[in-house]
PDB file of N, CA and C in Angstrom:
ATOM      1  N   MET A   1     -36.792  42.672 -16.421  1.00  0.00           N
ATOM      2  CA  MET A   1     -36.444  42.558 -18.121  1.00  0.00           C
ATOM      3  C   MET A   1     -37.860  42.860 -19.077  1.00  0.00           C
ATOM      4  N   THR A   2     -38.004  43.891 -19.441  1.00  0.00           N
ATOM      5  CA  THR A   2     -39.184  43.804 -20.332  1.00  0.00           C
ATOM      6  C   THR A   2     -39.777  42.707 -21.752  1.00  0.00           C
ATOM      7  N   GLU A   3     -40.806  42.697 -22.014  1.00  0.00           N
ATOM      8  CA  GLU A   3     -41.106  42.261 -23.356  1.00  0.00           C
ATOM      9  C   GLU A   3     -40.227  42.501 -24.283  1.00  0.00           C
ATOM     10  N   LYS A   4     -40.245  44.080 -24.421  1.00  0.00           N
ATOM     11  CA  LYS A   4     -39.357  44.841 -25.588  1.00  0.00           C
ATOM     12  C   LYS A   4     -37.873  44.043 -25.421  1.00  0.00           C
ATOM     13  N   GLU A   5     -37.265  44.160 -24.126  1.00  0.00           N
ATOM     14  CA  GLU A   5     -35.969  43.840 -24.475  1.00  0.00           C
ATOM     15  C   GLU A   5     -35.590  42.124 -24.494  1.00  0.00           C
ATOM     16  N   LEU A   6     -36.597  41.828 -24.266  1.00  0.00           N
ATOM     17  CA  LEU A   6     -36.436  40.030 -24.672  1.00  0.00           C
ATOM     18  C   LEU A   6     -36.640  40.326 -26.216  1.00  0.00           C
ATOM     19  N   GLN A   7     -37.426  40.808 -26.671  1.00  0.00           N
ATOM     20  CA  GLN A   7     -37.847  40.703 -28.181  1.00  0.00           C
ATOM     21  C   GLN A   7     -36.614  41.153 -28.869  1.00  0.00           C
ATOM     22  N   GLU A   8     -36.042  42.632 -28.495  1.00  0.00           N
ATOM     23  CA  GLU A   8     -34.641  42.648 -28.817  1.00  0.00           C
ATOM     24  C   GLU A   8     -33.757  41.585 -28.931  1.00  0.00           C
ATOM     25  N   ILE A   9     -33.316  41.135 -27.934  1.00  0.00           N
ATOM     26  CA  ILE A   9     -32.467  40.052 -27.601  1.00  0.00           C
ATOM     27  C   ILE A   9     -32.390  38.693 -28.853  1.00  0.00           C
ATOM     28  N   GLU A  10     -34.331  38.746 -28.450  1.00  0.00           N
ATOM     29  CA  GLU A  10     -34.163  36.752 -29.416  1.00  0.00           C
ATOM     30  C   GLU A  10     -34.117  37.484 -30.815  1.00  0.00           C
ATOM     31  N   ASN A  11     -34.592  38.761 -31.642  1.00  0.00           N
ATOM     32  CA  ASN A  11     -34.258  39.098 -32.760  1.00  0.00           C
ATOM     33  C   ASN A  11     -32.806  39.107 -33.111  1.00  0.00           C
ATOM     34  N   ARG A  12     -32.024  39.610 -32.407  1.00  0.00           N
ATOM     35  CA  ARG A  12     -30.609  39.221 -32.473  1.00  0.00           C
ATOM     36  C   ARG A  12     -29.946  37.738 -32.431  1.00  0.00           C
ATOM     37  N   SER A  13     -30.443  36.837 -31.490  1.00  0.00           N
ATOM     38  CA  SER A  13     -30.312  35.623 -31.631  1.00  0.00           C
ATOM     39  C   SER A  13     -30.699  34.949 -32.888  1.00  0.00           C
ATOM     40  N   VAL A  14     -31.795  35.356 -33.813  1.00  0.00           N
ATOM     41  CA  VAL A  14     -31.879  34.324 -34.433  1.00  0.00           C
ATOM     42  C   VAL A  14     -31.782  35.028 -35.762  1.00  0.00           C
ATOM     43  N   SER A  15     -31.044  36.285 -35.978  1.00  0.00           N
ATOM     44  CA  SER A  15     -30.355  36.598 -37.128  1.00  0.00           C
ATOM     45  C   SER A  15     -29.323  36.453 -37.435  1.00  0.00           C
ATOM     46  N   GLY A  16     -28.673  36.786 -37.993  1.00  0.00           N
ATOM     47  CA  GLY A  16     -27.291  36.061 -38.569  1.00  0.00           C
ATOM     48  C   GLY A  16     -27.570  34.668 -39.505  1.00  0.00           C
ATOM     49  N   THR A  17     -26.192  33.989 -38.952  1.00  0.00           N
ATOM     50  CA  THR A  17     -26.112  32.730 -39.853  1.00  0.00           C
ATOM     51  C   THR A  17     -27.206  31.908 -39.202  1.00  0.00           C
ATOM     52  N   LYS A  18     -27.396  30.829 -40.213  1.00  0.00           N
ATOM     53  CA  LYS A  18     -28.366  29.978 -39.483  1.00  0.00           C
ATOM     54  C   LYS A  18     -27.883  29.149 -38.452  1.00  0.00           C
ATOM     55  N   ALA A  19     -28.450  28.232 -37.274  1.00  0.00           N
ATOM     56  CA  ALA A  19     -28.522  27.819 -36.139  1.00  0.00           C
ATOM     57  C   ALA A  19     -28.382  26.145 -36.549  1.00  0.00           C
ATOM     58  N   PRO A  20     -28.142  25.441 -36.150  1.00  0.00           N
ATOM     59  CA  PRO A  20     -27.189  25.169 -34.617  1.00  0.00           C
ATOM     60  C   PRO A  20     -26.008  25.872 -35.444  1.00  0.00           C
ATOM     61  N   TRP A  21     -25.129  26.308 -34.274  1.00  0.00           N
ATOM     62  CA  TRP A  21     -23.701  26.643 -34.266  1.00  0.00           C
ATOM     63  C   TRP A  21     -23.099  25.256 -33.465  1.00  0.00           C
ATOM     64  N   ILE A  22     -21.732  24.266 -33.997  1.00  0.00           N
ATOM     65  CA  ILE A  22     -21.231  23.805 -33.267  1.00  0.00           C
ATOM     66  C   ILE A  22     -19.950  24.130 -33.338  1.00  0.00           C
ATOM     67  N   PRO A  23     -18.971  24.119 -31.914  1.00  0.00           N
ATOM     68  CA  PRO A  23     -17.684  24.368 -32.078  1.00  0.00           C
ATOM     69  C   PRO A  23     -17.091  23.404 -32.324  1.00  0.00           C
ATOM     70  N   MET A  24     -15.833  23.446 -33.070  1.00  0.00           N
ATOM     71  CA  MET A  24     -14.963  22.396 -33.699  1.00  0.00           C
ATOM     72  C   MET A  24     -13.725  22.727 -33.123  1.00  0.00           C
ATOM     73  N   ILE A  25     -13.270  21.988 -32.146  1.00  0.00           N
ATOM     74  CA  ILE A  25     -12.049  22.083 -31.632  1.00  0.00           C
ATOM     75  C   ILE A  25     -11.042  20.910 -32.048  1.00  0.00           C
ATOM     76  N   GLU A  26      -9.792  21.308 -32.724  1.00  0.00           N
ATOM     77  CA  GLU A  26      -8.810  20.631 -32.830  1.00  0.00           C
ATOM     78  C   GLU A  26      -8.662  19.427 -31.939  1.00  0.00           C
ATOM     79  N   GLY A  27      -8.560  18.051 -32.263  1.00  0.00           N
ATOM     80  CA  GLY A  27      -7.903  17.559 -30.975  1.00  0.00           C
ATOM     81  C   GLY A  27      -9.333  16.664 -30.248  1.00  0.00           C
ATOM     82  N   ILE A  28     -10.328  17.539 -30.444  1.00  0.00           N
ATOM     83  CA  ILE A  28     -11.704  17.065 -30.011  1.00  0.00           C
ATOM     84  C   ILE A  28     -12.888  16.552 -30.819  1.00  0.00           C
ATOM     85  N   THR A  29     -12.862  17.353 -31.904  1.00  0.00           N
ATOM     86  CA  THR A  29     -14.017  17.048 -32.672  1.00  0.00           C
ATOM     87  C   THR A  29     -13.311  16.678 -34.400  1.00  0.00           C
ATOM     88  N   HIS A  30     -12.310  16.988 -34.431  1.00  0.00           N
ATOM     89  CA  HIS A  30     -11.450  16.614 -35.504  1.00  0.00           C
ATOM     90  C   HIS A  30      -9.812  16.829 -35.280  1.00  0.00           C
ATOM     91  N   THR A  31      -9.030  15.897 -36.045  1.00  0.00           N
ATOM     92  CA  THR A  31      -7.638  15.762 -36.172  1.00  0.00           C
ATOM     93  C   THR A  31      -6.682  16.914 -36.322  1.00  0.00           C
ATOM     94  N   SER A  32      -7.080  17.751 -37.267  1.00  0.00           N
ATOM     95  CA  SER A  32      -6.068  18.763 -37.804  1.00  0.00           C
ATOM     96  C   SER A  32      -6.955  19.837 -38.562  1.00  0.00           C
ATOM     97  N   GLY A  33      -6.028  21.072 -38.487  1.00  0.00           N
ATOM     98  CA  GLY A  33      -7.016  22.293 -38.778  1.00  0.00           C
ATOM     99  C   GLY A  33      -7.035  23.177 -37.760  1.00  0.00           C
ATOM    100  N   ASP A  34      -7.774  24.094 -38.007  1.00  0.00           N
ATOM    101  CA  ASP A  34      -8.176  25.268 -37.040  1.00  0.00           C
ATOM    102  C   ASP A  34      -9.484  25.119 -36.500  1.00  0.00           C
ATOM    103  N   ASP A  35      -9.236  25.776 -35.132  1.00  0.00           N
ATOM    104  CA  ASP A  35     -10.779  25.569 -34.590  1.00  0.00           C
ATOM    105  C   ASP A  35     -11.693  26.394 -34.883  1.00  0.00           C
ATOM    106  N   PHE A  36     -12.707  25.983 -35.408  1.00  0.00           N
ATOM    107  CA  PHE A  36     -13.721  27.349 -35.578  1.00  0.00           C
ATOM    108  C   PHE A  36     -15.162  26.912 -35.226  1.00  0.00           C
ATOM    109  N   ILE A  37     -16.370  27.186 -35.737  1.00  0.00           N
ATOM    110  CA  ILE A  37     -17.912  27.106 -35.283  1.00  0.00           C
ATOM    111  C   ILE A  37     -18.481  26.663 -36.925  1.00  0.00           C
ATOM    112  N   MET A  38     -18.912  25.794 -36.932  1.00  0.00           N
ATOM    113  CA  MET A  38     -19.548  24.965 -38.019  1.00  0.00           C
ATOM    114  C   MET A  38     -21.180  25.246 -38.140  1.00  0.00           C
ATOM    115  N   THR A  39     -21.396  25.960 -38.696  1.00  0.00           N
ATOM    116  CA  THR A  39     -23.049  26.445 -38.636  1.00  0.00           C
ATOM    117  C   THR A  39     -23.804  25.381 -39.902  1.00  0.00           C
ATOM    118  N   GLY A  40     -25.197  25.474 -39.227  1.00  0.00           N
ATOM    119  CA  GLY A  40     -26.436  24.621 -40.340  1.00  0.00           C
ATOM    120  C   GLY A  40     -26.431  23.586 -39.960  1.00  0.00           C
ATOM    121  N   VAL A  41     -25.579  23.054 -39.134  1.00  0.00           N
ATOM    122  CA  VAL A  41     -25.933  21.569 -39.476  1.00  0.00           C
ATOM    123  C   VAL A  41     -26.564  21.018 -37.756  1.00  0.00           C
ATOM    124  N   ASN A  42     -26.698  19.877 -37.762  1.00  0.00           N
ATOM    125  CA  ASN A  42     -27.055  19.109 -36.552  1.00  0.00           C
ATOM    126  C   ASN A  42     -25.840  18.422 -35.357  1.00  0.00           C
ATOM    127  N   ASN A  43     -24.948  17.933 -36.159  1.00  0.00           N
ATOM    128  CA  ASN A  43     -23.659  17.235 -35.591  1.00  0.00           C
ATOM    129  C   ASN A  43     -22.521  17.508 -36.292  1.00  0.00           C
ATOM    130  N   SER A  44     -21.085  17.501 -35.450  1.00  0.00           N
ATOM    131  CA  SER A  44     -20.145  17.461 -36.434  1.00  0.00           C
ATOM    132  C   SER A  44     -19.697  16.746 -37.226  1.00  0.00           C
ATOM    133  N   ASP A  45     -20.523  15.378 -37.180  1.00  0.00           N
ATOM    134  CA  ASP A  45     -20.086  14.346 -38.294  1.00  0.00           C
ATOM    135  C   ASP A  45     -20.824  14.651 -39.767  1.00  0.00           C
ATOM    136  N   ASP A  46     -21.694  15.779 -39.748  1.00  0.00           N
ATOM    137  CA  ASP A  46     -22.341  16.299 -40.741  1.00  0.00           C
ATOM    138  C   ASP A  46     -21.899  17.209 -41.512  1.00  0.00           C
ATOM    139  N   TYR A  47     -20.508  17.059 -41.640  1.00  0.00           N
ATOM    140  CA  TYR A  47     -19.544  18.460 -42.349  1.00  0.00           C
ATOM    141  C   TYR A  47     -19.526  18.790 -43.527  1.00  0.00           C
ATOM    142  N   LYS A  48     -20.305  17.262 -44.258  1.00  0.00           N
ATOM    143  CA  LYS A  48     -19.997  17.363 -45.677  1.00  0.00           C
ATOM    144  C   LYS A  48     -21.737  17.822 -46.131  1.00  0.00           C
ATOM    145  N   ASN A  49     -22.410  17.810 -45.319  1.00  0.00           N
ATOM    146  CA  ASN A  49     -24.153  18.166 -46.094  1.00  0.00           C
ATOM    147  C   ASN A  49     -24.174  19.642 -46.603  1.00  0.00           C
ATOM    148  N   PRO A  50     -24.620  19.170 -47.672  1.00  0.00           N
ATOM    149  CA  PRO A  50     -24.707  20.713 -48.708  1.00  0.00           C
ATOM    150  C   PRO A  50     -25.697  21.551 -48.209  1.00  0.00           C
ATOM    151  N   GLU A  51     -26.383  21.620 -46.998  1.00  0.00           N
ATOM    152  CA  GLU A  51     -27.399  22.522 -46.130  1.00  0.00           C
ATOM    153  C   GLU A  51     -26.150  23.217 -45.656  1.00  0.00           C
ATOM    154  N   ARG A  52     -24.940  23.121 -45.134  1.00  0.00           N
ATOM    155  CA  ARG A  52     -24.022  23.460 -44.076  1.00  0.00           C
ATOM    156  C   ARG A  52     -23.800  25.208 -44.327  1.00  0.00           C
ATOM    157  N   GLY A  53     -23.982  25.725 -43.616  1.00  0.00           N
ATOM    158  CA  GLY A  53     -23.707  27.369 -43.897  1.00  0.00           C
ATOM    159  C   GLY A  53     -22.100  27.628 -43.825  1.00  0.00           C
ATOM    160  N   ASN A  54     -21.831  28.723 -43.615  1.00  0.00           N
ATOM    161  CA  ASN A  54     -20.398  29.217 -43.682  1.00  0.00           C
ATOM    162  C   ASN A  54     -19.970  29.060 -42.250  1.00  0.00           C
ATOM    163  N   ASP A  55     -18.428  28.620 -42.086  1.00  0.00           N
ATOM    164  CA  ASP A  55     -17.920  28.537 -40.708  1.00  0.00           C
ATOM    165  C   ASP A  55     -17.416  29.542 -40.470  1.00  0.00           C
ATOM    166  N   ILE A  56     -17.121  29.999 -39.023  1.00  0.00           N
ATOM    167  CA  ILE A  56     -16.952  31.103 -38.225  1.00  0.00           C
ATOM    168  C   ILE A  56     -15.738  30.821 -37.729  1.00  0.00           C
ATOM    169  N   TYR A  57     -14.797  31.695 -37.491  1.00  0.00           N
ATOM    170  CA  TYR A  57     -13.493  31.708 -37.494  1.00  0.00           C
ATOM    171  C   TYR A  57     -13.574  32.965 -36.552  1.00  0.00           C
ATOM    172  N   LEU A  58     -12.611  32.905 -35.368  1.00  0.00           N
ATOM    173  CA  LEU A  58     -12.268  33.827 -34.720  1.00  0.00           C
ATOM    174  C   LEU A  58     -10.843  33.876 -34.555  1.00  0.00           C
ATOM    175  N   THR A  59     -10.482  35.386 -34.371  1.00  0.00           N
ATOM    176  CA  THR A  59      -8.761  36.061 -34.555  1.00  0.00           C
ATOM    177  C   THR A  59      -8.246  35.702 -32.793  1.00  0.00           C
ATOM    178  N   SER A  60      -9.091  35.292 -31.957  1.00  0.00           N
ATOM    179  CA  SER A  60      -8.127  35.459 -30.995  1.00  0.00           C
ATOM    180  C   SER A  60      -9.415  34.948 -29.890  1.00  0.00           C
ATOM    181  N   GLY A  61      -8.878  34.778 -28.886  1.00  0.00           N
ATOM    182  CA  GLY A  61      -9.625  34.135 -27.484  1.00  0.00           C
ATOM    183  C   GLY A  61      -9.336  32.481 -27.259  1.00  0.00           C
ATOM    184  N   THR A  62     -10.042  31.955 -26.186  1.00  0.00           N
ATOM    185  CA  THR A  62      -9.649  30.499 -26.202  1.00  0.00           C
ATOM    186  C   THR A  62     -10.728  29.666 -26.653  1.00  0.00           C
ATOM    187  N   LYS A  63     -10.472  28.302 -26.521  1.00  0.00           N
ATOM    188  CA  LYS A  63     -11.145  27.562 -26.843  1.00  0.00           C
ATOM    189  C   LYS A  63     -12.874  27.668 -26.440  1.00  0.00           C
ATOM    190  N   GLU A  64     -12.358  28.029 -24.865  1.00  0.00           N
ATOM    191  CA  GLU A  64     -13.550  28.130 -23.997  1.00  0.00           C
ATOM    192  C   GLU A  64     -14.427  29.327 -24.982  1.00  0.00           C
ATOM    193  N   ASP A  65     -13.870  30.441 -24.884  1.00  0.00           N
ATOM    194  CA  ASP A  65     -14.746  31.748 -25.868  1.00  0.00           C
ATOM    195  C   ASP A  65     -15.380  30.933 -26.939  1.00  0.00           C
ATOM    196  N   LEU A  66     -14.630  29.889 -28.292  1.00  0.00           N
ATOM    197  CA  LEU A  66     -15.292  29.571 -29.013  1.00  0.00           C
ATOM    198  C   LEU A  66     -16.361  28.358 -28.414  1.00  0.00           C
ATOM    199  N   ILE A  67     -16.095  27.661 -27.790  1.00  0.00           N
ATOM    200  CA  ILE A  67     -17.499  27.099 -27.166  1.00  0.00           C
ATOM    201  C   ILE A  67     -18.363  27.561 -26.764  1.00  0.00           C
ATOM    202  N   PHE A  68     -18.182  28.654 -26.182  1.00  0.00           N
ATOM    203  CA  PHE A  68     -19.752  29.616 -25.465  1.00  0.00           C
ATOM    204  C   PHE A  68     -20.293  30.409 -26.460  1.00  0.00           C
ATOM    205  N   ILE A  69     -19.520  30.952 -27.541  1.00  0.00           N
ATOM    206  CA  ILE A  69     -19.950  31.930 -28.498  1.00  0.00           C
ATOM    207  C   ILE A  69     -20.800  30.697 -29.497  1.00  0.00           C
ATOM    208  N   ALA A  70     -20.522  29.614 -29.834  1.00  0.00           N
ATOM    209  CA  ALA A  70     -21.342  28.691 -30.454  1.00  0.00           C
ATOM    210  C   ALA A  70     -22.249  28.150 -29.803  1.00  0.00           C
ATOM    211  N   ASN A  71     -22.156  27.790 -28.653  1.00  0.00           N
ATOM    212  CA  ASN A  71     -23.547  27.294 -28.029  1.00  0.00           C
ATOM    213  C   ASN A  71     -24.455  28.607 -27.477  1.00  0.00           C
ATOM    214  N   ALA A  72     -23.956  29.765 -27.439  1.00  0.00           N
ATOM    215  CA  ALA A  72     -24.893  30.618 -27.143  1.00  0.00           C
ATOM    216  C   ALA A  72     -25.920  30.931 -28.184  1.00  0.00           C
ATOM    217  N   LYS A  73     -25.944  30.429 -29.587  1.00  0.00           N
ATOM    218  CA  LYS A  73     -26.792  30.502 -30.497  1.00  0.00           C
ATOM    219  C   LYS A  73     -28.189  29.473 -30.304  1.00  0.00           C
ATOM    220  N   GLN A  74     -27.903  28.686 -29.796  1.00  0.00           N
ATOM    221  CA  GLN A  74     -28.855  27.967 -29.247  1.00  0.00           C
ATOM    222  C   GLN A  74     -29.071  27.815 -27.782  1.00  0.00           C
ATOM    223  N   ASP A  75     -28.562  28.608 -26.641  1.00  0.00           N
ATOM    224  CA  ASP A  75     -28.655  28.861 -25.701  1.00  0.00           C
ATOM    225  C   ASP A  75     -29.613  30.031 -25.149  1.00  0.00           C
ATOM    226  N   ILE A  76     -29.372  30.903 -25.996  1.00  0.00           N
ATOM    227  CA  ILE A  76     -30.036  32.137 -25.641  1.00  0.00           C
ATOM    228  C   ILE A  76     -31.828  32.296 -26.191  1.00  0.00           C
ATOM    229  N   PRO A  77     -32.258  31.426 -27.122  1.00  0.00           N
ATOM    230  CA  PRO A  77     -33.589  31.000 -27.247  1.00  0.00           C
ATOM    231  C   PRO A  77     -34.137  30.564 -26.258  1.00  0.00           C
ATOM    232  N   ASN A  78     -33.189  29.476 -25.667  1.00  0.00           N
ATOM    233  CA  ASN A  78     -33.793  28.611 -24.859  1.00  0.00           C
ATOM    234  C   ASN A  78     -34.076  29.344 -23.448  1.00  0.00           C
ATOM    235  N   LEU A  79     -33.334  30.283 -23.155  1.00  0.00           N
ATOM    236  CA  LEU A  79     -33.168  31.148 -21.861  1.00  0.00           C
ATOM    237  C   LEU A  79     -34.346  31.709 -22.268  1.00  0.00           C
ATOM    238  N   ILE A  80     -34.545  32.650 -23.283  1.00  0.00           N
ATOM    239  CA  ILE A  80     -35.857  33.723 -23.466  1.00  0.00           C
ATOM    240  C   ILE A  80     -36.987  32.783 -23.244  1.00  0.00           C
ATOM    241  N   ALA A  81     -37.297  31.536 -23.788  1.00  0.00           N
ATOM    242  CA  ALA A  81     -38.095  30.718 -23.637  1.00  0.00           C
ATOM    243  C   ALA A  81     -38.485  30.519 -22.235  1.00  0.00           C
ATOM    244  N   GLU A  82     -37.556  30.512 -21.388  1.00  0.00           N
ATOM    245  CA  GLU A  82     -37.809  29.475 -20.067  1.00  0.00           C
ATOM    246  C   GLU A  82     -38.233  31.057 -19.205  1.00  0.00           C
ATOM    247  N   ILE A  83     -37.206  32.333 -19.997  1.00  0.00           N
ATOM    248  CA  ILE A  83     -37.926  33.626 -19.187  1.00  0.00           C
ATOM    249  C   ILE A  83     -39.538  33.809 -19.110  1.00  0.00           C
ATOM    250  N   ARG A  84     -39.777  33.719 -20.484  1.00  0.00           N
ATOM    251  CA  ARG A  84     -41.226  33.828 -20.478  1.00  0.00           C
ATOM    252  C   ARG A  84     -42.234  33.314 -20.221  1.00  0.00           C
ATOM    253  N   ARG A  85     -41.691  31.698 -20.097  1.00  0.00           N
ATOM    254  CA  ARG A  85     -42.727  30.607 -19.156  1.00  0.00           C
ATOM    255  C   ARG A  85     -42.670  31.034 -17.630  1.00  0.00           C
ATOM    256  N   LEU A  86     -41.447  31.469 -17.025  1.00  0.00           N
ATOM    257  CA  LEU A  86     -41.718  31.566 -15.653  1.00  0.00           C
ATOM    258  C   LEU A  86     -42.515  33.213 -15.468  1.00  0.00           C
ATOM    259  N   LYS A  87     -42.543  33.956 -16.363  1.00  0.00           N
ATOM    260  CA  LYS A  87     -43.068  35.007 -16.393  1.00  0.00           C
ATOM    261  C   LYS A  87     -44.650  34.972 -16.347  1.00  0.00           C
ATOM    262  N   LYS A  88     -44.953  33.662 -16.938  1.00  0.00           N
ATOM    263  CA  LYS A  88     -46.408  33.587 -17.379  1.00  0.00           C
ATOM    264  C   LYS A  88     -47.175  32.821 -15.658  1.00  0.00           C
ATOM    265  N   LEU A  89     -45.771  32.328 -15.014  1.00  0.00           N
ATOM    266  CA  LEU A  89     -46.674  32.000 -13.749  1.00  0.00           C
ATOM    267  C   LEU A  89     -47.396  32.471 -12.629  1.00  0.00           C
TER     268      LEU A  89
END
């Protein structure tokens, strides 16, 4: 993978809604309401934080899909950093 390709992936990963993204799953993180991705706060208990971003709702998919998508916002930058670190070795 070229540095240009990594840069393109990195640009996509840091654009859009502010990180971190947290999967909010009914029955796990809250007791009623929809499953969604909470954005811009560090943990699910911070839901009243005025810095919180807009929630992201999926119209289909599984709970596992929602968890994967939410975590990708943090995972992809970490993977890019690790690829760059390994390339320097």
